Amino acid sequence: MSIQSNGIGPDGIRFDGRVAIVTGAGNGLGRGYALDLAARGARVVVNDLGGGRDGRGAPDNAETAAETVVAEIRSRGGEAIADGANVTDPAQVAAMVERTVGLWGRIDVLINNAGILRDKSFAKMELEDFRSVVDVHLMGAANVTHAVWPIMRAQGYGRVLMTTSTSGVYGNFGQSNYGAAKAGLVGLMNVLHLEGIRNGIHVNAVAPTAATRMTSDILDETALARLNPDFVTPAALFLVSEQAPSRTVILAGAGTYARLAIVESDGVFLPEGERTPEAVAARFAGIASLDRQHEIDAGLSHVDRILKRAADAAG
């Protein structure tokens, strides 16, 4: 199947000929992504298990929510199918991917959006609730990405989007499980960027702030209106377009779009005879200062930086 250019032409960013999987697409952010991808020419797999926001209570027909979105896409002239695969089940994920390739021949875009919440302070949280949230967000994303990865490598093209959160990169009380999973997705993005870039696979993340089932009971009506999920969609679609960067996190919400950066301070070099806890304490202000900062592109780049500093000090 020929693929039309996804360049930004007179019609803007397009996905004609592309095939996309969006997990957790029956409601909220995922629904918006699926609708806009289809409107811009993509064939879309609308994946949703159909449960509540805590991951419990899936209906007998798990595809109901997804089928509603598919019907909306088709009513607008788009192409889509519903799939009720549970992202935590590798066998169900493999069947979804096999079905997609069998129908449309390829997979170009994956948006890992499926998620659940089971908020509680860490002291009161059952480990099962910690594990369940990590399984859906982190392992779920890993399962689906692992299933599409060889297809994207063989094509020499792929776009993968993780969904992280300020709860992970900054912290949020009562969300140790959610925060751990969301921070883990940034780590997964960083590594997959390095492993995928040679095969034309770009891996990014979006950190949305939006009025969804996840936030409906913690924000007032004015805030919810300003946090329309549709305002996140432009960032997500850019990050899975042909023009997308790689290893980039965009925070999106209420009309503001920003790039998240992980930086390290320049640091302080301590001669060998001064490497004591007391010396670290005495020099901590300089160690922590971000007056000079570095954005590192890979773990080994950090190693190279500190080894060079040690070599320079040794003369």
C-alpha atoms as a PDB file:
ATOM      1  CA  MET A   1       0.000   0.000   0.000  1.00  0.00           C
ATOM      2  CA  SER A   2       1.420   3.360  -0.963  1.00  0.00           C
ATOM      3  CA  ILE A   3       1.745   6.004   1.709  1.00  0.00           C
ATOM      4  CA  GLN A   4       1.023   9.618   0.854  1.00  0.00           C
ATOM      5  CA  SER A   5       3.328  12.283   2.240  1.00  0.00           C
ATOM      6  CA  ASN A   6       2.378  13.496   5.683  1.00  0.00           C
ATOM      7  CA  GLY A   7       4.085  16.824   5.055  1.00  0.00           C
ATOM      8  CA  ILE A   8       2.436  20.009   6.217  1.00  0.00           C
ATOM      9  CA  GLY A   9       0.831  21.074   2.972  1.00  0.00           C
ATOM     10  CA  PRO A  10      -2.224  23.168   2.155  1.00  0.00           C
ATOM     11  CA  ASP A  11      -4.398  20.762   4.155  1.00  0.00           C
ATOM     12  CA  GLY A  12      -2.131  20.742   7.210  1.00  0.00           C
ATOM     13  CA  ILE A  13      -0.826  17.627   8.955  1.00  0.00           C
ATOM     14  CA  ARG A  14      -2.394  14.556   7.398  1.00  0.00           C
ATOM     15  CA  PHE A  15      -2.375  10.817   8.095  1.00  0.00           C
ATOM     16  CA  ASP A  16      -3.674   9.558   4.750  1.00  0.00           C
ATOM     17  CA  GLY A  17      -2.795   5.907   4.303  1.00  0.00           C
ATOM     18  CA  ARG A  18      -1.582   5.574   7.884  1.00  0.00           C
ATOM     19  CA  VAL A  19      -2.938   3.036  10.379  1.00  0.00           C
ATOM     20  CA  ALA A  20      -3.216   4.033  14.035  1.00  0.00           C
ATOM     21  CA  ILE A  21      -4.014   2.210  17.269  1.00  0.00           C
ATOM     22  CA  VAL A  22      -5.298   4.316  20.148  1.00  0.00           C
ATOM     23  CA  THR A  23      -5.740   2.560  23.489  1.00  0.00           C
ATOM     24  CA  GLY A  24      -8.302   3.776  25.996  1.00  0.00           C
ATOM     25  CA  ALA A  25     -10.100   5.493  23.127  1.00  0.00           C
ATOM     26  CA  GLY A  26     -13.700   4.978  24.227  1.00  0.00           C
ATOM     27  CA  ASN A  27     -13.834   8.211  26.213  1.00  0.00           C
ATOM     28  CA  GLY A  28     -12.001  11.434  26.991  1.00  0.00           C
ATOM     29  CA  LEU A  29      -8.588  12.076  25.526  1.00  0.00           C
ATOM     30  CA  GLY A  30      -8.386   8.829  23.573  1.00  0.00           C
ATOM     31  CA  ARG A  31     -11.724   9.456  21.929  1.00  0.00           C
ATOM     32  CA  GLY A  32     -10.516  12.872  20.779  1.00  0.00           C
ATOM     33  CA  TYR A  33      -7.303  11.445  19.403  1.00  0.00           C
ATOM     34  CA  ALA A  34      -9.160   8.745  17.477  1.00  0.00           C
ATOM     35  CA  LEU A  35     -11.680  11.167  15.993  1.00  0.00           C
ATOM     36  CA  ASP A  36      -9.056  13.659  14.855  1.00  0.00           C
ATOM     37  CA  LEU A  37      -6.725  10.995  13.458  1.00  0.00           C
ATOM     38  CA  ALA A  38      -9.620   9.621  11.408  1.00  0.00           C
ATOM     39  CA  ALA A  39     -10.657  13.101  10.286  1.00  0.00           C
ATOM     40  CA  ARG A  40      -7.111  13.597   8.995  1.00  0.00           C
ATOM     41  CA  GLY A  41      -7.132  10.398   6.970  1.00  0.00           C
ATOM     42  CA  ALA A  42      -5.924   7.638   9.290  1.00  0.00           C
ATOM     43  CA  ARG A  43      -7.509   4.235   9.646  1.00  0.00           C
ATOM     44  CA  VAL A  44      -8.022   3.852  13.375  1.00  0.00           C
ATOM     45  CA  VAL A  45      -8.245   0.961  15.799  1.00  0.00           C
ATOM     46  CA  VAL A  46     -10.327   2.257  18.691  1.00  0.00           C
ATOM     47  CA  ASN A  47      -9.240   0.146  21.632  1.00  0.00           C
ATOM     48  CA  ASP A  48     -11.113   0.248  24.930  1.00  0.00           C
ATOM     49  CA  LEU A  49     -11.778  -2.342  27.599  1.00  0.00           C
ATOM     50  CA  GLY A  50     -14.925  -0.550  28.678  1.00  0.00           C
ATOM     51  CA  GLY A  51     -14.410  -0.501  32.452  1.00  0.00           C
ATOM     52  CA  GLY A  52     -14.690   2.289  34.987  1.00  0.00           C
ATOM     53  CA  ARG A  53     -11.904   4.728  35.732  1.00  0.00           C
ATOM     54  CA  ASP A  54     -10.594   2.380  38.434  1.00  0.00           C
ATOM     55  CA  GLY A  55     -10.385  -0.467  35.905  1.00  0.00           C
ATOM     56  CA  ARG A  56     -13.253  -2.397  37.473  1.00  0.00           C
ATOM     57  CA  GLY A  57     -16.718  -3.165  36.226  1.00  0.00           C
ATOM     58  CA  ALA A  58     -16.136  -3.854  32.535  1.00  0.00           C
ATOM     59  CA  PRO A  59     -19.476  -4.560  30.847  1.00  0.00           C
ATOM     60  CA  ASP A  60     -20.292  -7.891  29.267  1.00  0.00           C
ATOM     61  CA  ASN A  61     -19.650  -6.312  25.861  1.00  0.00           C
ATOM     62  CA  ALA A  62     -16.254  -4.721  26.465  1.00  0.00           C
ATOM     63  CA  GLU A  63     -16.258  -2.991  23.078  1.00  0.00           C
ATOM     64  CA  THR A  64     -19.393  -0.875  23.679  1.00  0.00           C
ATOM     65  CA  ALA A  65     -17.555   2.390  24.333  1.00  0.00           C
ATOM     66  CA  ALA A  66     -15.153   1.775  21.471  1.00  0.00           C
ATOM     67  CA  GLU A  67     -17.967   0.889  19.082  1.00  0.00           C
ATOM     68  CA  THR A  68     -19.685   4.185  19.822  1.00  0.00           C
ATOM     69  CA  VAL A  69     -16.543   6.058  18.756  1.00  0.00           C
ATOM     70  CA  VAL A  70     -16.195   3.867  15.670  1.00  0.00           C
ATOM     71  CA  ALA A  71     -19.776   4.638  14.683  1.00  0.00           C
ATOM     72  CA  GLU A  72     -19.044   8.350  15.010  1.00  0.00           C
ATOM     73  CA  ILE A  73     -15.934   8.048  12.836  1.00  0.00           C
ATOM     74  CA  ARG A  74     -17.793   6.092  10.174  1.00  0.00           C
ATOM     75  CA  SER A  75     -20.663   8.567  10.174  1.00  0.00           C
ATOM     76  CA  ARG A  76     -18.117  11.199   9.173  1.00  0.00           C
ATOM     77  CA  GLY A  77     -16.747   9.082   6.346  1.00  0.00           C
ATOM     78  CA  GLY A  78     -13.733   7.666   8.169  1.00  0.00           C
ATOM     79  CA  GLU A  79     -12.455   4.122   8.616  1.00  0.00           C
ATOM     80  CA  ALA A  80     -12.233   2.519  12.043  1.00  0.00           C
ATOM     81  CA  ILE A  81     -12.693  -0.709  13.949  1.00  0.00           C
ATOM     82  CA  ALA A  82     -13.340  -1.346  17.634  1.00  0.00           C
ATOM     83  CA  ASP A  83     -11.231  -3.657  19.749  1.00  0.00           C
ATOM     84  CA  GLY A  84     -11.748  -4.590  23.383  1.00  0.00           C
ATOM     85  CA  ALA A  85      -8.286  -6.013  24.098  1.00  0.00           C
ATOM     86  CA  ASN A  86      -7.050  -5.625  27.658  1.00  0.00           C
ATOM     87  CA  VAL A  87      -3.637  -3.937  27.365  1.00  0.00           C
ATOM     88  CA  THR A  88      -2.376  -5.888  30.384  1.00  0.00           C
ATOM     89  CA  ASP A  89      -2.932  -9.185  28.535  1.00  0.00           C
ATOM     90  CA  PRO A  90      -0.166  -9.820  25.958  1.00  0.00           C
ATOM     91  CA  ALA A  91      -2.229 -12.487  24.183  1.00  0.00           C
ATOM     92  CA  GLN A  92      -5.175 -10.128  23.668  1.00  0.00           C
ATOM     93  CA  VAL A  93      -2.809  -7.376  22.529  1.00  0.00           C
ATOM     94  CA  ALA A  94      -1.130  -9.730  20.044  1.00  0.00           C
ATOM     95  CA  ALA A  95      -4.541 -10.682  18.641  1.00  0.00           C
ATOM     96  CA  MET A  96      -5.455  -7.003  18.213  1.00  0.00           C
ATOM     97  CA  VAL A  97      -2.214  -6.275  16.385  1.00  0.00           C
ATOM     98  CA  GLU A  98      -2.571  -9.370  14.181  1.00  0.00           C
ATOM     99  CA  ARG A  99      -6.133  -8.382  13.334  1.00  0.00           C
ATOM    100  CA  THR A 100      -5.053  -4.853  12.427  1.00  0.00           C
ATOM    101  CA  VAL A 101      -2.239  -5.974  10.148  1.00  0.00           C
ATOM    102  CA  GLY A 102      -4.496  -8.583   8.565  1.00  0.00           C
ATOM    103  CA  LEU A 103      -7.073  -5.928   7.741  1.00  0.00           C
ATOM    104  CA  TRP A 104      -4.906  -2.942   6.786  1.00  0.00           C
ATOM    105  CA  GLY A 105      -1.405  -4.326   6.227  1.00  0.00           C
ATOM    106  CA  ARG A 106       0.580  -2.100   8.570  1.00  0.00           C
ATOM    107  CA  ILE A 107       0.649  -0.094  11.809  1.00  0.00           C
ATOM    108  CA  ASP A 108       2.163   3.389  11.705  1.00  0.00           C
ATOM    109  CA  VAL A 109       0.958   5.093  14.866  1.00  0.00           C
ATOM    110  CA  LEU A 110       0.445   3.886  18.429  1.00  0.00           C
ATOM    111  CA  ILE A 111      -0.965   6.139  21.126  1.00  0.00           C
ATOM    112  CA  ASN A 112      -0.704   4.499  24.555  1.00  0.00           C
ATOM    113  CA  ASN A 113      -3.543   6.242  26.368  1.00  0.00           C
ATOM    114  CA  ALA A 114      -5.270   3.510  28.405  1.00  0.00           C
ATOM    115  CA  GLY A 115      -5.218   4.151  32.121  1.00  0.00           C
ATOM    116  CA  ILE A 116      -6.945   3.770  35.460  1.00  0.00           C
ATOM    117  CA  LEU A 117      -6.861   5.542  38.830  1.00  0.00           C
ATOM    118  CA  ARG A 118      -6.890   4.052  42.319  1.00  0.00           C
ATOM    119  CA  ASP A 119      -5.849   7.013  44.443  1.00  0.00           C
ATOM    120  CA  LYS A 120      -4.964   6.647  48.111  1.00  0.00           C
ATOM    121  CA  SER A 121      -2.071   7.713  50.296  1.00  0.00           C
ATOM    122  CA  PHE A 122       0.812   5.254  50.188  1.00  0.00           C
ATOM    123  CA  ALA A 123       0.363   4.299  53.862  1.00  0.00           C
ATOM    124  CA  LYS A 124      -3.236   3.261  53.213  1.00  0.00           C
ATOM    125  CA  MET A 125      -2.807   1.750  49.766  1.00  0.00           C
ATOM    126  CA  GLU A 126      -3.084  -1.974  49.166  1.00  0.00           C
ATOM    127  CA  LEU A 127      -0.182  -3.257  47.085  1.00  0.00           C
ATOM    128  CA  GLU A 128      -2.677  -4.828  44.696  1.00  0.00           C
ATOM    129  CA  ASP A 129      -3.960  -1.349  43.835  1.00  0.00           C
ATOM    130  CA  PHE A 130      -0.385  -0.162  43.325  1.00  0.00           C
ATOM    131  CA  ARG A 131       0.329  -3.123  41.068  1.00  0.00           C
ATOM    132  CA  SER A 132      -2.887  -2.758  39.052  1.00  0.00           C
ATOM    133  CA  VAL A 133      -2.237   0.873  38.173  1.00  0.00           C
ATOM    134  CA  VAL A 134       1.369   0.171  37.176  1.00  0.00           C
ATOM    135  CA  ASP A 135       0.197  -2.833  35.128  1.00  0.00           C
ATOM    136  CA  VAL A 136      -2.259  -0.785  33.071  1.00  0.00           C
ATOM    137  CA  HIS A 137      -0.216   2.362  32.518  1.00  0.00           C
ATOM    138  CA  LEU A 138       3.356   1.084  32.321  1.00  0.00           C
ATOM    139  CA  MET A 139       3.107  -2.604  31.453  1.00  0.00           C
ATOM    140  CA  GLY A 140       0.085  -1.958  29.238  1.00  0.00           C
ATOM    141  CA  ALA A 141       2.069   0.546  27.196  1.00  0.00           C
ATOM    142  CA  ALA A 142       5.026  -1.839  27.089  1.00  0.00           C
ATOM    143  CA  ASN A 143       2.808  -4.726  25.934  1.00  0.00           C
ATOM    144  CA  VAL A 144       1.251  -2.854  23.028  1.00  0.00           C
ATOM    145  CA  THR A 145       4.494  -1.156  22.009  1.00  0.00           C
ATOM    146  CA  HIS A 146       6.333  -4.493  22.083  1.00  0.00           C
ATOM    147  CA  ALA A 147       3.675  -6.018  19.829  1.00  0.00           C
ATOM    148  CA  VAL A 148       3.874  -3.264  17.178  1.00  0.00           C
ATOM    149  CA  TRP A 149       7.647  -2.718  17.410  1.00  0.00           C
ATOM    150  CA  PRO A 150       8.760  -5.402  14.899  1.00  0.00           C
ATOM    151  CA  ILE A 151       6.143  -4.193  12.423  1.00  0.00           C
ATOM    152  CA  MET A 152       7.378  -0.612  12.651  1.00  0.00           C
ATOM    153  CA  ARG A 153      11.014  -1.724  12.379  1.00  0.00           C
ATOM    154  CA  ALA A 154      10.277  -3.735   9.237  1.00  0.00           C
ATOM    155  CA  GLN A 155       8.450  -0.750   7.717  1.00  0.00           C
ATOM    156  CA  GLY A 156      11.238   1.649   8.619  1.00  0.00           C
ATOM    157  CA  TYR A 157       8.618   3.964  10.084  1.00  0.00           C
ATOM    158  CA  GLY A 158       6.655   4.308  13.292  1.00  0.00           C
ATOM    159  CA  ARG A 159       5.331   6.829  15.749  1.00  0.00           C
ATOM    160  CA  VAL A 160       4.747   5.851  19.395  1.00  0.00           C
ATOM    161  CA  LEU A 161       3.233   8.176  21.977  1.00  0.00           C
ATOM    162  CA  MET A 162       3.347   7.526  25.709  1.00  0.00           C
ATOM    163  CA  THR A 163       1.049   9.300  28.159  1.00  0.00           C
ATOM    164  CA  THR A 164       2.931  10.630  31.151  1.00  0.00           C
ATOM    165  CA  SER A 165       1.737  13.035  33.839  1.00  0.00           C
ATOM    166  CA  THR A 166       2.839  15.844  36.110  1.00  0.00           C
ATOM    167  CA  SER A 167       1.938  13.409  38.897  1.00  0.00           C
ATOM    168  CA  GLY A 168       4.932  11.372  37.810  1.00  0.00           C
ATOM    169  CA  VAL A 169       7.482  14.015  36.907  1.00  0.00           C
ATOM    170  CA  TYR A 170       6.570  16.419  39.748  1.00  0.00           C
ATOM    171  CA  GLY A 171       4.536  14.322  42.207  1.00  0.00           C
ATOM    172  CA  ASN A 172       0.987  14.519  43.501  1.00  0.00           C
ATOM    173  CA  PHE A 173      -0.272  13.501  46.945  1.00  0.00           C
ATOM    174  CA  GLY A 174      -2.157  10.205  46.981  1.00  0.00           C
ATOM    175  CA  GLN A 175      -0.913   9.014  43.589  1.00  0.00           C
ATOM    176  CA  SER A 176       2.209   6.984  44.334  1.00  0.00           C
ATOM    177  CA  ASN A 177       1.039   4.170  42.041  1.00  0.00           C
ATOM    178  CA  TYR A 178       0.002   6.491  39.211  1.00  0.00           C
ATOM    179  CA  GLY A 179       3.068   8.702  39.603  1.00  0.00           C
ATOM    180  CA  ALA A 180       5.462   5.757  39.567  1.00  0.00           C
ATOM    181  CA  ALA A 181       3.872   4.396  36.387  1.00  0.00           C
ATOM    182  CA  LYS A 182       3.855   7.771  34.652  1.00  0.00           C
ATOM    183  CA  ALA A 183       7.486   8.495  35.520  1.00  0.00           C
ATOM    184  CA  GLY A 184       8.348   5.016  34.270  1.00  0.00           C
ATOM    185  CA  LEU A 185       6.847   5.846  30.895  1.00  0.00           C
ATOM    186  CA  VAL A 186       9.303   8.724  30.481  1.00  0.00           C
ATOM    187  CA  GLY A 187      12.136   6.259  31.093  1.00  0.00           C
ATOM    188  CA  LEU A 188      10.630   3.855  28.571  1.00  0.00           C
ATOM    189  CA  MET A 189      10.365   6.677  26.029  1.00  0.00           C
ATOM    190  CA  ASN A 190      14.006   7.641  26.533  1.00  0.00           C
ATOM    191  CA  VAL A 191      15.294   4.126  25.870  1.00  0.00           C
ATOM    192  CA  LEU A 192      12.948   3.324  22.984  1.00  0.00           C
ATOM    193  CA  HIS A 193      13.965   6.583  21.293  1.00  0.00           C
ATOM    194  CA  LEU A 194      17.573   5.377  21.264  1.00  0.00           C
ATOM    195  CA  GLU A 195      16.604   1.902  20.043  1.00  0.00           C
ATOM    196  CA  GLY A 196      14.044   2.988  17.454  1.00  0.00           C
ATOM    197  CA  ILE A 197      15.497   6.053  15.784  1.00  0.00           C
ATOM    198  CA  ARG A 198      17.716   4.062  13.396  1.00  0.00           C
ATOM    199  CA  ASN A 199      14.574   2.368  12.039  1.00  0.00           C
ATOM    200  CA  GLY A 200      12.585   5.546  11.607  1.00  0.00           C
ATOM    201  CA  ILE A 201      10.614   5.066  14.839  1.00  0.00           C
ATOM    202  CA  HIS A 202      10.049   8.227  16.859  1.00  0.00           C
ATOM    203  CA  VAL A 203       8.941   7.869  20.474  1.00  0.00           C
ATOM    204  CA  ASN A 204       7.471  10.783  22.420  1.00  0.00           C
ATOM    205  CA  ALA A 205       5.184  11.495  25.351  1.00  0.00           C
ATOM    206  CA  VAL A 206       2.355  13.857  26.167  1.00  0.00           C
ATOM    207  CA  ALA A 207       1.563  15.048  29.689  1.00  0.00           C
ATOM    208  CA  PRO A 208      -2.093  16.118  29.488  1.00  0.00           C
ATOM    209  CA  THR A 209      -4.072  18.191  31.948  1.00  0.00           C
ATOM    210  CA  ALA A 210      -7.679  17.728  30.937  1.00  0.00           C
ATOM    211  CA  ALA A 211     -11.230  17.361  32.148  1.00  0.00           C
ATOM    212  CA  THR A 212     -11.834  13.619  31.892  1.00  0.00           C
ATOM    213  CA  ARG A 213     -13.270  10.856  34.051  1.00  0.00           C
ATOM    214  CA  MET A 214      -9.938  10.989  35.870  1.00  0.00           C
ATOM    215  CA  THR A 215     -10.396  14.628  36.987  1.00  0.00           C
ATOM    216  CA  SER A 216     -14.152  15.273  36.903  1.00  0.00           C
ATOM    217  CA  ASP A 217     -14.612  15.159  40.686  1.00  0.00           C
ATOM    218  CA  ILE A 218     -11.596  17.242  41.737  1.00  0.00           C
ATOM    219  CA  LEU A 219     -12.040  20.419  39.658  1.00  0.00           C
ATOM    220  CA  ASP A 220     -14.772  23.083  39.528  1.00  0.00           C
ATOM    221  CA  GLU A 221     -16.897  23.779  36.439  1.00  0.00           C
ATOM    222  CA  THR A 222     -14.857  26.765  35.288  1.00  0.00           C
ATOM    223  CA  ALA A 223     -11.614  24.807  35.448  1.00  0.00           C
ATOM    224  CA  LEU A 224     -13.192  21.822  33.703  1.00  0.00           C
ATOM    225  CA  ALA A 225     -14.348  24.046  30.835  1.00  0.00           C
ATOM    226  CA  ARG A 226     -10.865  25.475  30.402  1.00  0.00           C
ATOM    227  CA  LEU A 227      -9.394  21.980  30.455  1.00  0.00           C
ATOM    228  CA  ASN A 228     -11.348  20.645  27.496  1.00  0.00           C
ATOM    229  CA  PRO A 229      -9.651  17.392  26.378  1.00  0.00           C
ATOM    230  CA  ASP A 230      -9.774  18.646  22.784  1.00  0.00           C
ATOM    231  CA  PHE A 231      -7.087  21.176  23.714  1.00  0.00           C
ATOM    232  CA  VAL A 232      -4.620  18.304  24.275  1.00  0.00           C
ATOM    233  CA  THR A 233      -5.235  16.693  20.881  1.00  0.00           C
ATOM    234  CA  PRO A 234      -3.060  19.115  18.849  1.00  0.00           C
ATOM    235  CA  ALA A 235       0.030  18.185  20.890  1.00  0.00           C
ATOM    236  CA  ALA A 236      -0.681  14.461  20.677  1.00  0.00           C
ATOM    237  CA  LEU A 237      -1.233  14.485  16.932  1.00  0.00           C
ATOM    238  CA  PHE A 238       1.871  16.562  16.276  1.00  0.00           C
ATOM    239  CA  LEU A 239       3.914  14.056  18.305  1.00  0.00           C
ATOM    240  CA  VAL A 240       2.736  11.162  16.089  1.00  0.00           C
ATOM    241  CA  SER A 241       2.974  13.024  12.790  1.00  0.00           C
ATOM    242  CA  GLU A 242       5.677  12.587  10.195  1.00  0.00           C
ATOM    243  CA  GLN A 243       7.220  15.862  11.401  1.00  0.00           C
ATOM    244  CA  ALA A 244       7.378  14.690  15.022  1.00  0.00           C
ATOM    245  CA  PRO A 245      10.592  15.004  16.973  1.00  0.00           C
ATOM    246  CA  SER A 246      11.681  12.075  19.123  1.00  0.00           C
ATOM    247  CA  ARG A 247      12.337  11.808  22.861  1.00  0.00           C
ATOM    248  CA  THR A 248      10.152  14.838  23.516  1.00  0.00           C
ATOM    249  CA  VAL A 249       7.548  15.394  26.229  1.00  0.00           C
ATOM    250  CA  ILE A 250       4.935  18.081  25.641  1.00  0.00           C
ATOM    251  CA  LEU A 251       2.780  19.248  28.550  1.00  0.00           C
ATOM    252  CA  ALA A 252      -0.636  20.263  27.222  1.00  0.00           C
ATOM    253  CA  GLY A 253      -3.673  21.760  28.910  1.00  0.00           C
ATOM    254  CA  ALA A 254      -5.943  24.814  28.980  1.00  0.00           C
ATOM    255  CA  GLY A 255      -4.351  26.124  25.779  1.00  0.00           C
ATOM    256  CA  THR A 256      -0.754  26.051  27.027  1.00  0.00           C
ATOM    257  CA  TYR A 257       1.831  23.803  25.391  1.00  0.00           C
ATOM    258  CA  ALA A 258       5.288  23.410  26.943  1.00  0.00           C
ATOM    259  CA  ARG A 259       8.261  21.073  26.613  1.00  0.00           C
ATOM    260  CA  LEU A 260       9.384  19.144  29.658  1.00  0.00           C
ATOM    261  CA  ALA A 261      13.150  18.879  30.093  1.00  0.00           C
ATOM    262  CA  ILE A 262      15.194  16.733  32.472  1.00  0.00           C
ATOM    263  CA  VAL A 263      18.383  18.601  33.348  1.00  0.00           C
ATOM    264  CA  GLU A 264      21.307  18.173  35.708  1.00  0.00           C
ATOM    265  CA  SER A 265      23.363  20.823  37.415  1.00  0.00           C
ATOM    266  CA  ASP A 266      26.950  21.452  36.398  1.00  0.00           C
ATOM    267  CA  GLY A 267      27.939  19.962  39.740  1.00  0.00           C
ATOM    268  CA  VAL A 268      31.017  20.270  41.895  1.00  0.00           C
ATOM    269  CA  PHE A 269      34.165  18.183  41.485  1.00  0.00           C
ATOM    270  CA  LEU A 270      35.665  17.063  44.785  1.00  0.00           C
ATOM    271  CA  PRO A 271      39.308  15.943  44.891  1.00  0.00           C
ATOM    272  CA  GLU A 272      39.752  12.349  46.062  1.00  0.00           C
ATOM    273  CA  GLY A 273      40.795  13.292  49.583  1.00  0.00           C
ATOM    274  CA  GLU A 274      37.674  15.440  50.049  1.00  0.00           C
ATOM    275  CA  ARG A 275      34.999  12.938  49.016  1.00  0.00           C
ATOM    276  CA  THR A 276      33.194  12.732  52.345  1.00  0.00           C
ATOM    277  CA  PRO A 277      29.573  13.229  53.406  1.00  0.00           C
ATOM    278  CA  GLU A 278      30.665  16.382  55.231  1.00  0.00           C
ATOM    279  CA  ALA A 279      32.189  17.823  52.054  1.00  0.00           C
ATOM    280  CA  VAL A 280      29.021  17.070  50.085  1.00  0.00           C
ATOM    281  CA  ALA A 281      26.989  18.825  52.779  1.00  0.00           C
ATOM    282  CA  ALA A 282      29.309  21.828  52.795  1.00  0.00           C
ATOM    283  CA  ARG A 283      29.207  22.170  49.008  1.00  0.00           C
ATOM    284  CA  PHE A 284      25.562  21.246  48.563  1.00  0.00           C
ATOM    285  CA  ALA A 285      24.464  24.729  47.474  1.00  0.00           C
ATOM    286  CA  GLY A 286      26.907  24.588  44.579  1.00  0.00           C
ATOM    287  CA  ILE A 287      26.027  20.984  43.778  1.00  0.00           C
ATOM    288  CA  ALA A 288      22.320  21.856  43.575  1.00  0.00           C
ATOM    289  CA  SER A 289      22.683  25.171  41.735  1.00  0.00           C
ATOM    290  CA  LEU A 290      21.083  25.251  38.289  1.00  0.00           C
ATOM    291  CA  ASP A 291      22.917  28.408  37.221  1.00  0.00           C
ATOM    292  CA  ARG A 292      24.702  26.121  34.763  1.00  0.00           C
ATOM    293  CA  GLN A 293      22.659  23.151  33.640  1.00  0.00           C
ATOM    294  CA  HIS A 294      22.926  20.356  31.120  1.00  0.00           C
ATOM    295  CA  GLU A 295      20.246  18.497  29.183  1.00  0.00           C
ATOM    296  CA  ILE A 296      21.698  15.045  28.557  1.00  0.00           C
ATOM    297  CA  ASP A 297      20.737  12.973  25.512  1.00  0.00           C
ATOM    298  CA  ALA A 298      21.590   9.521  26.940  1.00  0.00           C
ATOM    299  CA  GLY A 299      22.873   7.926  30.125  1.00  0.00           C
ATOM    300  CA  LEU A 300      26.320   7.350  28.639  1.00  0.00           C
ATOM    301  CA  SER A 301      26.569  11.036  27.777  1.00  0.00           C
ATOM    302  CA  HIS A 302      26.398  11.777  31.500  1.00  0.00           C
ATOM    303  CA  VAL A 303      29.145   9.211  32.099  1.00  0.00           C
ATOM    304  CA  ASP A 304      31.299  10.859  29.407  1.00  0.00           C
ATOM    305  CA  ARG A 305      30.772  14.283  30.996  1.00  0.00           C
ATOM    306  CA  ILE A 306      31.846  13.300  34.497  1.00  0.00           C
ATOM    307  CA  LEU A 307      34.789  11.196  33.279  1.00  0.00           C
ATOM    308  CA  LYS A 308      36.043  14.134  31.231  1.00  0.00           C
ATOM    309  CA  ARG A 309      35.799  16.351  34.272  1.00  0.00           C
ATOM    310  CA  ALA A 310      37.798  13.857  36.324  1.00  0.00           C
ATOM    311  CA  ALA A 311      40.412  13.587  33.569  1.00  0.00           C
ATOM    312  CA  ASP A 312      40.704  17.380  33.308  1.00  0.00           C
ATOM    313  CA  ALA A 313      41.194  17.648  37.064  1.00  0.00           C
ATOM    314  CA  ALA A 314      43.894  14.986  36.969  1.00  0.00           C
ATOM    315  CA  GLY A 315      45.751  17.047  34.385  1.00  0.00           C
END
